[in-house]
Every structure is written in structure tokens, then in C-alpha cells.
Amino acid sequence: MQPLLTVDIEQISISERIQLAEDLWDSILSNPESLVVTESQKQVLDERLEKHQTPPEDSSSWRAVKARLGNP
């Protein structure tokens, strides 16, 4: 596979690499309609959202946690 860049990425500073990553994401986000989400990816996202929105059965209130820690 041919590298896309002619610069050795290890030779640029961390801050320049972070800026490069940000620039790459910005270039992708400038055309969001070109992003394709497959049905499989949608299913995973839906499952994660449902799990996030469902309160865990083994959770405790903040008041109960503080009481267990000895902080009324």
C-alpha cells in the first residue's frame, strides 16, 4: 500500500499530528451526506442507545452511596 503522505508521520510533532487529525475529521464533517451508515451499524447504535437509556438494576442513589461511604 502506498502512503498518502510524503512526510513520515513520526517526524512531525504531537501537536501537528493532533492538528492533522482534526483537519481530517473537519474535512469529513464538511460533507456529512457522504457518510453511509450500514443497517448493521444502525442496529449496534440503537442497541447502545437503548442500553444507555435503561437504568441499571444494580444502581444506587447518590444519597445511598454517600451513606455507605460515611458521608451523610
N, C-alpha and C. Protein backbone atom coordinates (compact mmCIF):
# COMPACT_ATOMS: atom_id res chain seq x y z
N MET A 1 0.83 -1.17 0.00
CA MET A 1 0.00 0.00 0.00
C MET A 1 0.88 1.25 0.00
N GLN A 2 0.59 2.16 -0.89
CA GLN A 2 1.36 3.40 -0.99
C GLN A 2 0.90 4.40 0.07
N PRO A 3 1.84 5.06 0.76
CA PRO A 3 1.43 6.07 1.73
C PRO A 3 0.79 7.27 1.04
N LEU A 4 -0.21 7.83 1.69
CA LEU A 4 -0.88 9.00 1.12
C LEU A 4 -0.07 10.27 1.32
N LEU A 5 0.72 10.29 2.38
CA LEU A 5 1.53 11.47 2.68
C LEU A 5 2.99 11.21 2.33
N THR A 6 3.66 12.24 1.94
CA THR A 6 5.07 12.09 1.63
C THR A 6 5.95 12.40 2.83
N VAL A 7 5.33 12.73 3.95
CA VAL A 7 6.08 13.01 5.16
C VAL A 7 5.95 11.83 6.12
N ASP A 8 7.02 11.51 6.81
CA ASP A 8 6.99 10.45 7.82
C ASP A 8 6.25 11.00 9.03
N ILE A 9 5.12 10.44 9.32
CA ILE A 9 4.27 10.98 10.38
C ILE A 9 4.97 11.00 11.73
N GLU A 10 5.90 10.10 11.93
CA GLU A 10 6.66 10.08 13.19
C GLU A 10 7.62 11.27 13.30
N GLN A 11 7.85 11.94 12.20
CA GLN A 11 8.79 13.06 12.20
C GLN A 11 8.12 14.41 12.52
N ILE A 12 6.81 14.43 12.60
CA ILE A 12 6.15 15.69 12.95
C ILE A 12 5.74 15.65 14.41
N SER A 13 5.61 16.81 15.00
CA SER A 13 5.34 16.90 16.43
C SER A 13 3.95 16.36 16.77
N ILE A 14 3.77 16.07 18.03
CA ILE A 14 2.46 15.58 18.51
C ILE A 14 1.38 16.61 18.21
N SER A 15 1.67 17.88 18.47
CA SER A 15 0.65 18.91 18.24
C SER A 15 0.30 19.00 16.75
N GLU A 16 1.27 18.81 15.88
CA GLU A 16 0.99 18.82 14.44
C GLU A 16 0.16 17.60 14.04
N ARG A 17 0.42 16.44 14.67
CA ARG A 17 -0.37 15.24 14.38
C ARG A 17 -1.80 15.41 14.85
N ILE A 18 -1.97 16.03 16.02
CA ILE A 18 -3.33 16.28 16.52
C ILE A 18 -4.05 17.22 15.57
N GLN A 19 -3.37 18.27 15.12
CA GLN A 19 -3.98 19.20 14.17
C GLN A 19 -4.34 18.50 12.87
N LEU A 20 -3.48 17.61 12.41
CA LEU A 20 -3.75 16.84 11.20
C LEU A 20 -5.01 15.99 11.38
N ALA A 21 -5.13 15.33 12.53
CA ALA A 21 -6.32 14.51 12.80
C ALA A 21 -7.57 15.38 12.82
N GLU A 22 -7.49 16.54 13.46
CA GLU A 22 -8.63 17.45 13.49
C GLU A 22 -9.00 17.91 12.08
N ASP A 23 -8.00 18.23 11.29
CA ASP A 23 -8.26 18.67 9.92
C ASP A 23 -8.91 17.57 9.09
N LEU A 24 -8.47 16.32 9.30
CA LEU A 24 -9.07 15.19 8.59
C LEU A 24 -10.54 15.05 8.97
N TRP A 25 -10.85 15.10 10.29
CA TRP A 25 -12.24 14.98 10.72
C TRP A 25 -13.07 16.13 10.19
N ASP A 26 -12.52 17.35 10.23
CA ASP A 26 -13.26 18.50 9.70
C ASP A 26 -13.57 18.32 8.22
N SER A 27 -12.63 17.75 7.48
CA SER A 27 -12.87 17.56 6.04
C SER A 27 -13.97 16.53 5.80
N ILE A 28 -14.07 15.55 6.68
CA ILE A 28 -15.14 14.55 6.56
C ILE A 28 -16.48 15.16 6.94
N LEU A 29 -16.49 15.92 8.01
CA LEU A 29 -17.73 16.52 8.50
C LEU A 29 -18.25 17.63 7.60
N SER A 30 -17.41 18.16 6.74
CA SER A 30 -17.87 19.22 5.84
C SER A 30 -18.83 18.67 4.78
N ASN A 31 -18.89 17.35 4.65
CA ASN A 31 -19.77 16.73 3.68
C ASN A 31 -20.46 15.52 4.33
N PRO A 32 -21.31 15.76 5.37
CA PRO A 32 -21.87 14.64 6.13
C PRO A 32 -22.78 13.72 5.33
N GLU A 33 -23.39 14.23 4.27
CA GLU A 33 -24.28 13.37 3.49
C GLU A 33 -23.53 12.26 2.76
N SER A 34 -22.22 12.38 2.69
CA SER A 34 -21.44 11.33 2.03
C SER A 34 -21.14 10.16 2.99
N LEU A 35 -21.42 10.35 4.27
CA LEU A 35 -21.20 9.27 5.23
C LEU A 35 -22.35 8.28 5.14
N VAL A 36 -22.02 7.03 5.02
CA VAL A 36 -23.03 5.99 4.90
C VAL A 36 -22.96 5.12 6.15
N VAL A 37 -24.10 4.96 6.81
CA VAL A 37 -24.20 4.09 7.97
C VAL A 37 -24.97 2.85 7.54
N THR A 38 -24.34 1.71 7.71
CA THR A 38 -24.98 0.46 7.29
C THR A 38 -26.08 0.08 8.28
N GLU A 39 -26.94 -0.84 7.87
CA GLU A 39 -28.01 -1.33 8.74
C GLU A 39 -27.41 -1.98 9.99
N SER A 40 -26.32 -2.69 9.81
CA SER A 40 -25.66 -3.34 10.93
C SER A 40 -25.15 -2.30 11.94
N GLN A 41 -24.56 -1.22 11.44
CA GLN A 41 -24.09 -0.15 12.31
C GLN A 41 -25.26 0.54 13.01
N LYS A 42 -26.35 0.75 12.30
CA LYS A 42 -27.54 1.35 12.91
C LYS A 42 -28.07 0.48 14.03
N GLN A 43 -28.07 -0.82 13.82
CA GLN A 43 -28.55 -1.75 14.84
C GLN A 43 -27.69 -1.66 16.09
N VAL A 44 -26.38 -1.63 15.91
CA VAL A 44 -25.46 -1.52 17.06
C VAL A 44 -25.71 -0.21 17.79
N LEU A 45 -25.86 0.88 17.05
CA LEU A 45 -26.12 2.18 17.67
C LEU A 45 -27.43 2.18 18.44
N ASP A 46 -28.47 1.60 17.85
CA ASP A 46 -29.76 1.52 18.52
C ASP A 46 -29.66 0.71 19.82
N GLU A 47 -28.94 -0.41 19.77
CA GLU A 47 -28.77 -1.24 20.96
C GLU A 47 -28.02 -0.48 22.05
N ARG A 48 -26.98 0.24 21.67
CA ARG A 48 -26.20 1.01 22.64
C ARG A 48 -27.04 2.14 23.24
N LEU A 49 -27.84 2.80 22.42
CA LEU A 49 -28.70 3.87 22.92
C LEU A 49 -29.72 3.32 23.90
N GLU A 50 -30.33 2.19 23.56
CA GLU A 50 -31.32 1.58 24.45
C GLU A 50 -30.68 1.20 25.78
N LYS A 51 -29.49 0.62 25.73
CA LYS A 51 -28.78 0.24 26.95
C LYS A 51 -28.44 1.48 27.78
N HIS A 52 -28.05 2.54 27.12
CA HIS A 52 -27.71 3.79 27.81
C HIS A 52 -28.94 4.38 28.50
N GLN A 53 -30.09 4.29 27.86
CA GLN A 53 -31.29 4.91 28.38
C GLN A 53 -32.00 4.05 29.44
N THR A 54 -31.60 2.79 29.58
CA THR A 54 -32.20 1.89 30.55
C THR A 54 -31.43 1.98 31.86
N PRO A 55 -32.10 2.39 32.94
CA PRO A 55 -31.38 2.49 34.22
C PRO A 55 -30.93 1.10 34.69
N PRO A 56 -29.72 1.00 35.17
CA PRO A 56 -29.24 -0.30 35.65
C PRO A 56 -29.99 -0.72 36.92
N GLU A 57 -30.24 -2.01 37.03
CA GLU A 57 -30.98 -2.54 38.18
C GLU A 57 -30.14 -2.50 39.45
N ASP A 58 -28.83 -2.55 39.30
CA ASP A 58 -27.97 -2.61 40.48
C ASP A 58 -27.40 -1.24 40.85
N SER A 59 -28.07 -0.19 40.45
CA SER A 59 -27.57 1.15 40.76
C SER A 59 -28.05 1.60 42.13
N SER A 60 -27.36 2.59 42.67
CA SER A 60 -27.71 3.16 43.97
C SER A 60 -27.88 4.66 43.81
N SER A 61 -28.71 5.23 44.65
CA SER A 61 -28.86 6.68 44.63
C SER A 61 -27.59 7.32 45.20
N TRP A 62 -27.40 8.59 44.91
CA TRP A 62 -26.24 9.31 45.42
C TRP A 62 -26.30 9.35 46.94
N ARG A 63 -27.49 9.51 47.50
CA ARG A 63 -27.66 9.54 48.96
C ARG A 63 -27.20 8.21 49.57
N ALA A 64 -27.56 7.08 48.96
CA ALA A 64 -27.16 5.77 49.48
C ALA A 64 -25.66 5.56 49.37
N VAL A 65 -25.07 6.01 48.31
CA VAL A 65 -23.61 5.88 48.15
C VAL A 65 -22.90 6.68 49.22
N LYS A 66 -23.32 7.92 49.42
CA LYS A 66 -22.71 8.76 50.45
C LYS A 66 -22.86 8.13 51.83
N ALA A 67 -24.01 7.55 52.11
CA ALA A 67 -24.23 6.91 53.41
C ALA A 67 -23.28 5.73 53.59
N ARG A 68 -23.09 4.92 52.55
CA ARG A 68 -22.15 3.79 52.63
C ARG A 68 -20.72 4.25 52.86
N LEU A 69 -20.40 5.43 52.34
CA LEU A 69 -19.05 5.97 52.50
C LEU A 69 -18.88 6.71 53.82
N GLY A 70 -19.96 6.82 54.58
CA GLY A 70 -19.89 7.51 55.87
C GLY A 70 -20.03 9.01 55.74
N ASN A 71 -20.54 9.51 54.62
CA ASN A 71 -20.77 10.94 54.41
C ASN A 71 -22.26 11.19 54.28
N PRO A 72 -22.89 11.60 55.38
CA PRO A 72 -24.35 11.78 55.32
C PRO A 72 -24.79 12.87 54.39
